């Protein structure tokens, strides 16, 4: 057993010294791009995450100062059709929380997150998670989440494998996931 997998098998919520560092490691394991930054650097990191994008869906409640100039902002009001969403380059959202042990991001579709289709159809998703939103494990996440809200659990970019185990990305959601951990 490798040193890394041995350490993982011994994880216990009280034994995790730095839940944010573990969250970053686990999200990176899913082939997502993860960048840690301070609150004053969010707009610049969003710009980097959106590199190559032109049209960006911006859900209601997303902070205006976090999306830099130079992108065509597309509002989801009235709700965009799947065909229109497929024509945009990216979406930027916030998150309800992140789960360190699993490297999962949870959206409850509150302000700044938009409806579920926004995080599934565009090819690129730039998601902002505040460091204080990172919890240790799934039971802690479930305790914090409102069970009546719709929830989308994201563990890396969309990917699947065929019978020969050839990995295909972007089948059931964005092909590119960029996560900014702020704080």
Protein backbone atom coordinates (compact mmCIF):
# COMPACT_ATOMS: atom_id res chain seq x y z
CA UNK A 1 0.00 0.00 0.00
CA UNK A 2 1.38 3.42 -0.92
CA UNK A 3 2.11 6.00 1.73
CA UNK A 4 -0.64 8.24 0.33
CA UNK A 5 -3.34 5.53 0.28
CA UNK A 6 -2.29 4.36 3.73
CA UNK A 7 -2.79 7.89 5.06
CA UNK A 8 -6.21 8.07 3.41
CA UNK A 9 -7.42 4.86 5.00
CA UNK A 10 -6.59 6.26 8.43
CA UNK A 11 -8.61 9.46 8.01
CA UNK A 12 -10.94 10.35 10.81
CA UNK A 13 -12.70 13.71 11.10
CA UNK A 14 -10.87 14.58 14.31
CA UNK A 15 -7.52 13.61 12.76
CA UNK A 16 -7.59 16.10 9.88
CA UNK A 17 -5.38 19.05 10.65
CA UNK A 18 -6.21 21.18 7.61
CA UNK A 19 -9.60 20.49 6.02
CA UNK A 20 -9.04 23.12 3.32
CA UNK A 21 -5.73 21.57 2.23
CA UNK A 22 -7.36 18.14 2.13
CA UNK A 23 -10.28 19.55 0.11
CA UNK A 24 -7.85 21.08 -2.41
CA UNK A 25 -5.94 17.80 -2.71
CA UNK A 26 -9.09 15.76 -3.24
CA UNK A 27 -10.59 18.16 -5.80
CA UNK A 28 -7.30 18.07 -7.70
CA UNK A 29 -7.47 14.25 -7.64
CA UNK A 30 -10.60 14.59 -9.79
CA UNK A 31 -8.60 16.47 -12.45
CA UNK A 32 -10.14 19.82 -11.59
CA UNK A 33 -8.03 22.95 -11.51
CA UNK A 34 -7.90 24.35 -7.99
CA UNK A 35 -6.55 27.77 -7.03
CA UNK A 36 -6.35 29.18 -3.53
CA UNK A 37 -6.57 32.94 -3.31
CA UNK A 38 -7.42 35.83 -1.06
CA UNK A 39 -10.66 37.81 -1.28
CA UNK A 40 -8.97 40.64 -3.19
CA UNK A 41 -7.74 38.25 -5.91
CA UNK A 42 -11.03 36.56 -6.83
CA UNK A 43 -11.76 38.59 -9.99
CA UNK A 44 -8.28 37.96 -11.40
CA UNK A 45 -8.48 34.23 -10.60
CA UNK A 46 -11.94 34.09 -12.22
CA UNK A 47 -10.43 35.74 -15.32
CA UNK A 48 -7.77 33.01 -15.42
CA UNK A 49 -10.37 30.27 -14.94
CA UNK A 50 -12.41 31.67 -17.83
CA UNK A 51 -9.44 31.91 -20.21
CA UNK A 52 -10.66 31.31 -23.74
CA UNK A 53 -14.28 31.96 -22.82
CA UNK A 54 -16.33 34.80 -24.27
CA UNK A 55 -19.97 34.26 -23.22
CA UNK A 56 -20.44 33.49 -19.51
CA UNK A 57 -23.65 32.64 -17.65
CA UNK A 58 -23.80 34.65 -14.43
CA UNK A 59 -26.53 33.55 -12.00
CA UNK A 60 -28.55 36.06 -10.02
CA UNK A 61 -26.85 36.92 -6.75
CA UNK A 62 -23.30 36.40 -8.04
CA UNK A 63 -21.07 39.25 -6.87
CA UNK A 64 -20.54 41.75 -9.71
CA UNK A 65 -17.01 42.55 -8.57
CA UNK A 66 -15.98 38.89 -8.96
CA UNK A 67 -16.56 38.81 -12.74
CA UNK A 68 -14.03 41.03 -14.48
CA UNK A 69 -14.74 43.04 -17.61
CA UNK A 70 -14.10 41.49 -20.98
CA UNK A 71 -16.76 38.78 -20.91
CA UNK A 72 -20.27 38.84 -22.29
CA UNK A 73 -22.48 38.27 -19.26
CA UNK A 74 -25.46 36.05 -19.99
CA UNK A 75 -28.33 36.21 -17.49
CA UNK A 76 -30.60 33.24 -16.82
CA UNK A 77 -33.72 35.41 -16.67
CA UNK A 78 -35.94 34.23 -18.19
CA UNK A 79 -34.46 30.73 -17.82
CA UNK A 80 -32.22 29.84 -20.76
CA UNK A 81 -33.02 26.77 -22.81
CA UNK A 82 -30.61 23.85 -22.92
CA UNK A 83 -29.77 24.81 -26.51
CA UNK A 84 -28.83 28.36 -25.49
CA UNK A 85 -26.86 27.10 -22.47
CA UNK A 86 -24.96 24.79 -24.80
CA UNK A 87 -23.88 27.83 -26.83
CA UNK A 88 -22.31 29.71 -23.91
CA UNK A 89 -18.68 29.10 -23.05
CA UNK A 90 -18.83 28.95 -19.28
CA UNK A 91 -20.70 29.50 -16.05
CA UNK A 92 -19.44 31.06 -12.82
CA UNK A 93 -21.07 30.15 -9.51
CA UNK A 94 -20.54 30.14 -5.81
CA UNK A 95 -21.15 27.03 -3.70
CA UNK A 96 -23.05 26.12 -0.56
CA UNK A 97 -20.08 24.16 0.78
CA UNK A 98 -17.17 21.86 0.01
CA UNK A 99 -16.44 18.46 1.57
CA UNK A 100 -12.79 17.78 2.38
CA UNK A 101 -12.75 13.97 2.63
CA UNK A 102 -14.53 13.46 -0.71
CA UNK A 103 -13.42 16.57 -2.61
CA UNK A 104 -17.06 17.32 -3.36
CA UNK A 105 -18.65 20.70 -3.97
CA UNK A 106 -22.32 21.10 -3.10
CA UNK A 107 -24.60 23.69 -4.67
CA UNK A 108 -27.98 24.33 -3.06
CA UNK A 109 -28.93 26.73 -5.85
CA UNK A 110 -29.17 29.76 -3.63
CA UNK A 111 -27.94 33.25 -4.60
CA UNK A 112 -24.88 33.14 -6.85
CA UNK A 113 -25.42 29.48 -7.74
CA UNK A 114 -28.36 29.53 -10.15
CA UNK A 115 -30.46 26.55 -11.13
CA UNK A 116 -29.02 23.09 -11.66
CA UNK A 117 -28.85 23.25 -15.48
CA UNK A 118 -26.39 26.15 -15.26
CA UNK A 119 -23.77 23.94 -13.62
CA UNK A 120 -24.36 21.00 -15.98
CA UNK A 121 -24.63 22.29 -19.55
CA UNK A 122 -21.82 24.82 -20.22
CA UNK A 123 -18.45 23.23 -20.98
CA UNK A 124 -16.58 25.17 -18.29
CA UNK A 125 -17.63 25.76 -14.68
CA UNK A 126 -15.72 28.18 -12.47
CA UNK A 127 -16.91 27.65 -8.89
CA UNK A 128 -15.98 29.75 -5.88
CA UNK A 129 -15.85 28.10 -2.46
CA UNK A 130 -14.98 30.11 0.64
CA UNK A 131 -12.45 28.39 2.90
CA UNK A 132 -14.88 28.63 5.82
CA UNK A 133 -17.46 26.70 3.77
CA UNK A 134 -15.26 23.59 3.69
CA UNK A 135 -16.48 20.89 6.06
CA UNK A 136 -14.75 17.67 7.01
CA UNK A 137 -17.08 14.93 5.76
CA UNK A 138 -20.47 14.05 4.29
CA UNK A 139 -22.31 13.72 7.63
CA UNK A 140 -21.20 17.24 8.58
CA UNK A 141 -22.28 18.51 5.15
CA UNK A 142 -25.70 16.91 5.49
CA UNK A 143 -26.17 18.50 8.93
CA UNK A 144 -25.42 21.94 7.45
CA UNK A 145 -27.51 21.65 4.29
CA UNK A 146 -31.23 22.40 4.10
CA UNK A 147 -32.88 19.10 3.10
CA UNK A 148 -35.72 20.85 1.27
CA UNK A 149 -33.42 22.73 -1.11
CA UNK A 150 -32.37 21.13 -4.40
CA UNK A 151 -28.78 19.93 -4.12
CA UNK A 152 -26.17 19.29 -6.77
CA UNK A 153 -23.09 17.36 -5.61
CA UNK A 154 -20.05 17.88 -7.87
CA UNK A 155 -16.98 15.68 -7.61
CA UNK A 156 -14.72 16.90 -10.39
CA UNK A 157 -15.40 17.52 -14.07
CA UNK A 158 -17.96 15.29 -15.71
CA UNK A 159 -16.40 12.00 -16.78
CA UNK A 160 -17.34 8.46 -17.61
CA UNK A 161 -15.57 5.40 -18.96
CA UNK A 162 -16.67 2.99 -21.63
CA UNK A 163 -16.42 -0.78 -21.31
CA UNK A 164 -12.74 -0.62 -22.30
CA UNK A 165 -12.18 1.95 -19.53
CA UNK A 166 -11.44 4.78 -21.95
CA UNK A 167 -12.21 7.98 -20.05
CA UNK A 168 -14.52 10.47 -21.75
CA UNK A 169 -15.01 13.90 -20.19
CA UNK A 170 -17.91 16.31 -20.51
CA UNK A 171 -20.69 13.79 -21.10
CA UNK A 172 -22.94 14.60 -18.12
CA UNK A 173 -21.72 18.06 -17.22
CA UNK A 174 -18.83 20.46 -17.75
CA UNK A 175 -15.61 19.10 -19.20
CA UNK A 176 -13.59 21.71 -17.30
CA UNK A 177 -14.01 22.49 -13.60
CA UNK A 178 -12.05 25.35 -12.04
CA UNK A 179 -12.44 25.77 -8.29
CA UNK A 180 -11.34 28.89 -6.45
CA UNK A 181 -10.89 28.44 -2.73
CA UNK A 182 -11.06 31.88 -1.16
CA UNK A 183 -9.53 32.66 2.20
